[in-house]
Amino acid sequence: MNRQSDSDDSFSDDLDSSREAPSSDDSAGQGKKILIVDDDAEIVDTVSYALESAGYIVTIARDGNQGIALAESEQPDLIILDMMMPKRSGFLVLEKLRRHNEEPIPVIMVTGNEGNRHQAYAELLGVSDYIHKPFPINKLLQSVSKLIS
């Protein structure tokens, strides 16, 4: 249990330091829509702050079911998807999105899970990028920029 707390503290430190000075300018996002699907309020707040500072329009879902509904109604340009969530996991969300969308939406999966099997399965489902927590926010911003441009 202490290991998880240490990981959370490390993630908080990475995110807090990035809050002070996002590296992207305000025009980078140019109004592109990003859906964040994550149940961790601290991650959602920090990631949405960084994305909005870079000019992206952010929509937030707090669980997998809400994520699917918002992906269908909002038609985002990109989805940032947590693997472990209540009601429906990131894998189940990704499976449903891939089955029902003719044009696949780019998806960045973020996870604290270090297992290679999970990454391999995410890649099999067509995830665009797979980022391990904790991560520097600039790494996420670079991935977003690369996938949306």
C-alpha atoms as a PDB file:
ATOM      1  CA  MET A   1       0.000   0.000   0.000  1.00  0.00           C
ATOM      2  CA  ASN A   2       2.867   2.402   0.707  1.00  0.00           C
ATOM      3  CA  ARG A   3       4.199   1.729  -2.776  1.00  0.00           C
ATOM      4  CA  GLN A   4       1.018   3.120  -4.312  1.00  0.00           C
ATOM      5  CA  SER A   5       1.205   6.237  -2.151  1.00  0.00           C
ATOM      6  CA  ASP A   6       4.820   6.803  -3.162  1.00  0.00           C
ATOM      7  CA  SER A   7       3.828   6.482  -6.808  1.00  0.00           C
ATOM      8  CA  ASP A   8       0.975   8.940  -6.339  1.00  0.00           C
ATOM      9  CA  ASP A   9       3.334  11.436  -4.666  1.00  0.00           C
ATOM     10  CA  SER A  10       5.794  11.125  -7.542  1.00  0.00           C
ATOM     11  CA  PHE A  11       3.004  11.664 -10.050  1.00  0.00           C
ATOM     12  CA  SER A  12       1.816  14.701  -8.089  1.00  0.00           C
ATOM     13  CA  ASP A  13       5.322  16.152  -8.130  1.00  0.00           C
ATOM     14  CA  ASP A  14       5.583  15.678 -11.908  1.00  0.00           C
ATOM     15  CA  LEU A  15       2.196  17.264 -12.479  1.00  0.00           C
ATOM     16  CA  ASP A  16       2.686  20.121 -10.009  1.00  0.00           C
ATOM     17  CA  SER A  17       5.965  21.155 -11.580  1.00  0.00           C
ATOM     18  CA  SER A  18       4.367  21.139 -15.024  1.00  0.00           C
ATOM     19  CA  ARG A  19       1.455  23.314 -13.884  1.00  0.00           C
ATOM     20  CA  GLU A  20       3.795  26.220 -13.409  1.00  0.00           C
ATOM     21  CA  ALA A  21       4.996  26.411 -16.998  1.00  0.00           C
ATOM     22  CA  PRO A  22       3.348  24.360 -19.723  1.00  0.00           C
ATOM     23  CA  SER A  23       5.752  24.254 -22.645  1.00  0.00           C
ATOM     24  CA  SER A  24       3.141  24.734 -25.369  1.00  0.00           C
ATOM     25  CA  ASP A  25       1.868  28.086 -26.539  1.00  0.00           C
ATOM     26  CA  ASP A  26      -1.851  28.915 -26.465  1.00  0.00           C
ATOM     27  CA  SER A  27      -2.317  28.442 -30.219  1.00  0.00           C
ATOM     28  CA  ALA A  28      -1.070  24.829 -30.327  1.00  0.00           C
ATOM     29  CA  GLY A  29      -4.498  23.260 -29.797  1.00  0.00           C
ATOM     30  CA  GLN A  30      -6.324  25.528 -32.242  1.00  0.00           C
ATOM     31  CA  GLY A  31      -9.701  24.509 -30.834  1.00  0.00           C
ATOM     32  CA  LYS A  32      -9.228  20.750 -31.203  1.00  0.00           C
ATOM     33  CA  LYS A  33     -11.456  18.730 -28.857  1.00  0.00           C
ATOM     34  CA  ILE A  34      -9.963  16.294 -26.354  1.00  0.00           C
ATOM     35  CA  LEU A  35     -11.922  13.937 -24.122  1.00  0.00           C
ATOM     36  CA  ILE A  36     -10.238  12.934 -20.854  1.00  0.00           C
ATOM     37  CA  VAL A  37     -11.661   9.725 -19.373  1.00  0.00           C
ATOM     38  CA  ASP A  38     -10.215   9.245 -15.885  1.00  0.00           C
ATOM     39  CA  ASP A  39     -11.573   8.846 -12.363  1.00  0.00           C
ATOM     40  CA  ASP A  40      -8.613  10.512 -10.593  1.00  0.00           C
ATOM     41  CA  ALA A  41      -9.561  14.151  -9.910  1.00  0.00           C
ATOM     42  CA  GLU A  42      -5.963  15.321  -9.498  1.00  0.00           C
ATOM     43  CA  ILE A  43      -4.914  13.860 -12.838  1.00  0.00           C
ATOM     44  CA  VAL A  44      -7.992  15.233 -14.578  1.00  0.00           C
ATOM     45  CA  ASP A  45      -7.464  18.726 -13.134  1.00  0.00           C
ATOM     46  CA  THR A  46      -3.785  18.879 -14.023  1.00  0.00           C
ATOM     47  CA  VAL A  47      -4.072  17.360 -17.486  1.00  0.00           C
ATOM     48  CA  SER A  48      -7.082  19.508 -18.403  1.00  0.00           C
ATOM     49  CA  TYR A  49      -5.271  22.637 -17.159  1.00  0.00           C
ATOM     50  CA  ALA A  50      -2.227  21.843 -19.322  1.00  0.00           C
ATOM     51  CA  LEU A  51      -4.352  21.035 -22.384  1.00  0.00           C
ATOM     52  CA  GLU A  52      -6.541  24.124 -22.024  1.00  0.00           C
ATOM     53  CA  SER A  53      -3.398  26.254 -21.585  1.00  0.00           C
ATOM     54  CA  ALA A  54      -2.211  24.821 -24.912  1.00  0.00           C
ATOM     55  CA  GLY A  55      -5.455  25.866 -26.623  1.00  0.00           C
ATOM     56  CA  TYR A  56      -7.380  22.585 -26.624  1.00  0.00           C
ATOM     57  CA  ILE A  57     -11.085  22.270 -25.763  1.00  0.00           C
ATOM     58  CA  VAL A  58     -11.404  19.678 -22.992  1.00  0.00           C
ATOM     59  CA  THR A  59     -14.345  17.481 -22.029  1.00  0.00           C
ATOM     60  CA  ILE A  60     -14.147  15.256 -18.950  1.00  0.00           C
ATOM     61  CA  ALA A  61     -15.666  11.856 -18.198  1.00  0.00           C
ATOM     62  CA  ARG A  62     -15.197  10.316 -14.738  1.00  0.00           C
ATOM     63  CA  ASP A  63     -15.856   6.681 -15.683  1.00  0.00           C
ATOM     64  CA  GLY A  64     -15.866   4.402 -18.701  1.00  0.00           C
ATOM     65  CA  ASN A  65     -19.610   4.527 -19.371  1.00  0.00           C
ATOM     66  CA  GLN A  66     -19.639   8.317 -19.330  1.00  0.00           C
ATOM     67  CA  GLY A  67     -16.553   8.256 -21.560  1.00  0.00           C
ATOM     68  CA  ILE A  68     -18.330   6.209 -24.226  1.00  0.00           C
ATOM     69  CA  ALA A  69     -21.388   8.455 -24.110  1.00  0.00           C
ATOM     70  CA  LEU A  70     -19.308  11.626 -24.432  1.00  0.00           C
ATOM     71  CA  ALA A  71     -17.133  10.137 -27.191  1.00  0.00           C
ATOM     72  CA  GLU A  72     -20.286   9.420 -29.182  1.00  0.00           C
ATOM     73  CA  SER A  73     -21.966  12.786 -28.541  1.00  0.00           C
ATOM     74  CA  GLU A  74     -18.953  15.117 -28.605  1.00  0.00           C
ATOM     75  CA  GLN A  75     -16.912  13.488 -31.401  1.00  0.00           C
ATOM     76  CA  PRO A  76     -13.529  14.484 -29.921  1.00  0.00           C
ATOM     77  CA  ASP A  77     -10.373  14.726 -32.019  1.00  0.00           C
ATOM     78  CA  LEU A  78      -8.488  12.652 -29.420  1.00  0.00           C
ATOM     79  CA  ILE A  79      -9.201  10.689 -26.220  1.00  0.00           C
ATOM     80  CA  ILE A  80      -6.941  10.380 -23.182  1.00  0.00           C
ATOM     81  CA  LEU A  81      -8.082   7.189 -21.493  1.00  0.00           C
ATOM     82  CA  ASP A  82      -7.186   5.719 -18.112  1.00  0.00           C
ATOM     83  CA  MET A  83      -6.957   1.934 -18.003  1.00  0.00           C
ATOM     84  CA  MET A  84      -8.384   1.304 -14.520  1.00  0.00           C
ATOM     85  CA  MET A  85     -11.749   2.985 -13.855  1.00  0.00           C
ATOM     86  CA  PRO A  86     -15.078   2.242 -12.239  1.00  0.00           C
ATOM     87  CA  LYS A  87     -18.053   0.900 -14.218  1.00  0.00           C
ATOM     88  CA  ARG A  88     -16.067   0.117 -17.390  1.00  0.00           C
ATOM     89  CA  SER A  89     -12.312  -0.278 -17.802  1.00  0.00           C
ATOM     90  CA  GLY A  90     -10.275   1.585 -20.383  1.00  0.00           C
ATOM     91  CA  PHE A  91      -9.935  -1.652 -22.350  1.00  0.00           C
ATOM     92  CA  LEU A  92     -13.707  -2.092 -22.579  1.00  0.00           C
ATOM     93  CA  VAL A  93     -14.106   1.555 -23.593  1.00  0.00           C
ATOM     94  CA  LEU A  94     -11.462   1.160 -26.290  1.00  0.00           C
ATOM     95  CA  GLU A  95     -13.033  -2.087 -27.563  1.00  0.00           C
ATOM     96  CA  LYS A  96     -16.445  -0.426 -27.899  1.00  0.00           C
ATOM     97  CA  LEU A  97     -15.032   2.675 -29.575  1.00  0.00           C
ATOM     98  CA  ARG A  98     -13.113   0.587 -32.099  1.00  0.00           C
ATOM     99  CA  ARG A  99     -16.197  -1.536 -32.908  1.00  0.00           C
ATOM    100  CA  HIS A 100     -18.561   1.395 -33.435  1.00  0.00           C
ATOM    101  CA  ASN A 101     -16.470   4.080 -35.143  1.00  0.00           C
ATOM    102  CA  GLU A 102     -15.689   3.815 -38.836  1.00  0.00           C
ATOM    103  CA  GLU A 103     -12.926   6.422 -38.482  1.00  0.00           C
ATOM    104  CA  PRO A 104     -10.954   5.528 -35.340  1.00  0.00           C
ATOM    105  CA  ILE A 105     -10.378   8.362 -32.878  1.00  0.00           C
ATOM    106  CA  PRO A 106      -6.745   8.554 -31.695  1.00  0.00           C
ATOM    107  CA  VAL A 107      -6.496   7.274 -28.111  1.00  0.00           C
ATOM    108  CA  ILE A 108      -3.700   7.798 -25.601  1.00  0.00           C
ATOM    109  CA  MET A 109      -3.978   5.263 -22.794  1.00  0.00           C
ATOM    110  CA  VAL A 110      -2.454   6.271 -19.455  1.00  0.00           C
ATOM    111  CA  THR A 111      -1.875   3.759 -16.705  1.00  0.00           C
ATOM    112  CA  GLY A 112      -0.003   3.034 -13.529  1.00  0.00           C
ATOM    113  CA  ASN A 113       0.159  -0.627 -14.545  1.00  0.00           C
ATOM    114  CA  GLU A 114       3.645  -1.759 -15.539  1.00  0.00           C
ATOM    115  CA  GLY A 115       2.615  -5.066 -17.136  1.00  0.00           C
ATOM    116  CA  ASN A 116       3.694  -5.720 -20.735  1.00  0.00           C
ATOM    117  CA  ARG A 117       0.595  -7.855 -21.359  1.00  0.00           C
ATOM    118  CA  HIS A 118      -1.639  -4.828 -20.810  1.00  0.00           C
ATOM    119  CA  GLN A 119       0.354  -2.680 -23.204  1.00  0.00           C
ATOM    120  CA  ALA A 120       0.350  -5.439 -25.821  1.00  0.00           C
ATOM    121  CA  TYR A 121      -3.442  -5.798 -25.528  1.00  0.00           C
ATOM    122  CA  ALA A 122      -3.936  -2.020 -25.771  1.00  0.00           C
ATOM    123  CA  GLU A 123      -1.801  -1.978 -28.917  1.00  0.00           C
ATOM    124  CA  LEU A 124      -3.790  -4.892 -30.338  1.00  0.00           C
ATOM    125  CA  LEU A 125      -6.956  -2.812 -29.804  1.00  0.00           C
ATOM    126  CA  GLY A 126      -5.388   0.064 -31.719  1.00  0.00           C
ATOM    127  CA  VAL A 127      -4.303   2.485 -28.996  1.00  0.00           C
ATOM    128  CA  SER A 128      -2.294   5.351 -30.520  1.00  0.00           C
ATOM    129  CA  ASP A 129       0.069   5.837 -27.577  1.00  0.00           C
ATOM    130  CA  TYR A 130       0.544   4.164 -24.192  1.00  0.00           C
ATOM    131  CA  ILE A 131       1.973   6.258 -21.349  1.00  0.00           C
ATOM    132  CA  HIS A 132       2.948   4.960 -17.909  1.00  0.00           C
ATOM    133  CA  LYS A 133       2.158   6.959 -14.765  1.00  0.00           C
ATOM    134  CA  PRO A 134       3.821   8.927 -13.405  1.00  0.00           C
ATOM    135  CA  PHE A 135       4.678  10.923 -16.501  1.00  0.00           C
ATOM    136  CA  PRO A 136       5.937  14.439 -17.172  1.00  0.00           C
ATOM    137  CA  ILE A 137       3.051  16.493 -18.566  1.00  0.00           C
ATOM    138  CA  ASN A 138       5.228  17.588 -21.482  1.00  0.00           C
ATOM    139  CA  LYS A 139       5.416  13.960 -22.651  1.00  0.00           C
ATOM    140  CA  LEU A 140       1.623  13.851 -22.817  1.00  0.00           C
ATOM    141  CA  LEU A 141       1.430  17.233 -24.566  1.00  0.00           C
ATOM    142  CA  GLN A 142       3.950  16.078 -27.186  1.00  0.00           C
ATOM    143  CA  SER A 143       1.952  12.917 -27.843  1.00  0.00           C
ATOM    144  CA  VAL A 144      -1.294  14.899 -28.125  1.00  0.00           C
ATOM    145  CA  SER A 145       0.283  17.362 -30.533  1.00  0.00           C
ATOM    146  CA  LYS A 146       1.771  14.584 -32.686  1.00  0.00           C
ATOM    147  CA  LEU A 147      -1.522  12.649 -32.885  1.00  0.00           C
ATOM    148  CA  ILE A 148      -3.783  15.628 -33.582  1.00  0.00           C
ATOM    149  CA  SER A 149      -1.631  17.418 -36.170  1.00  0.00           C
END
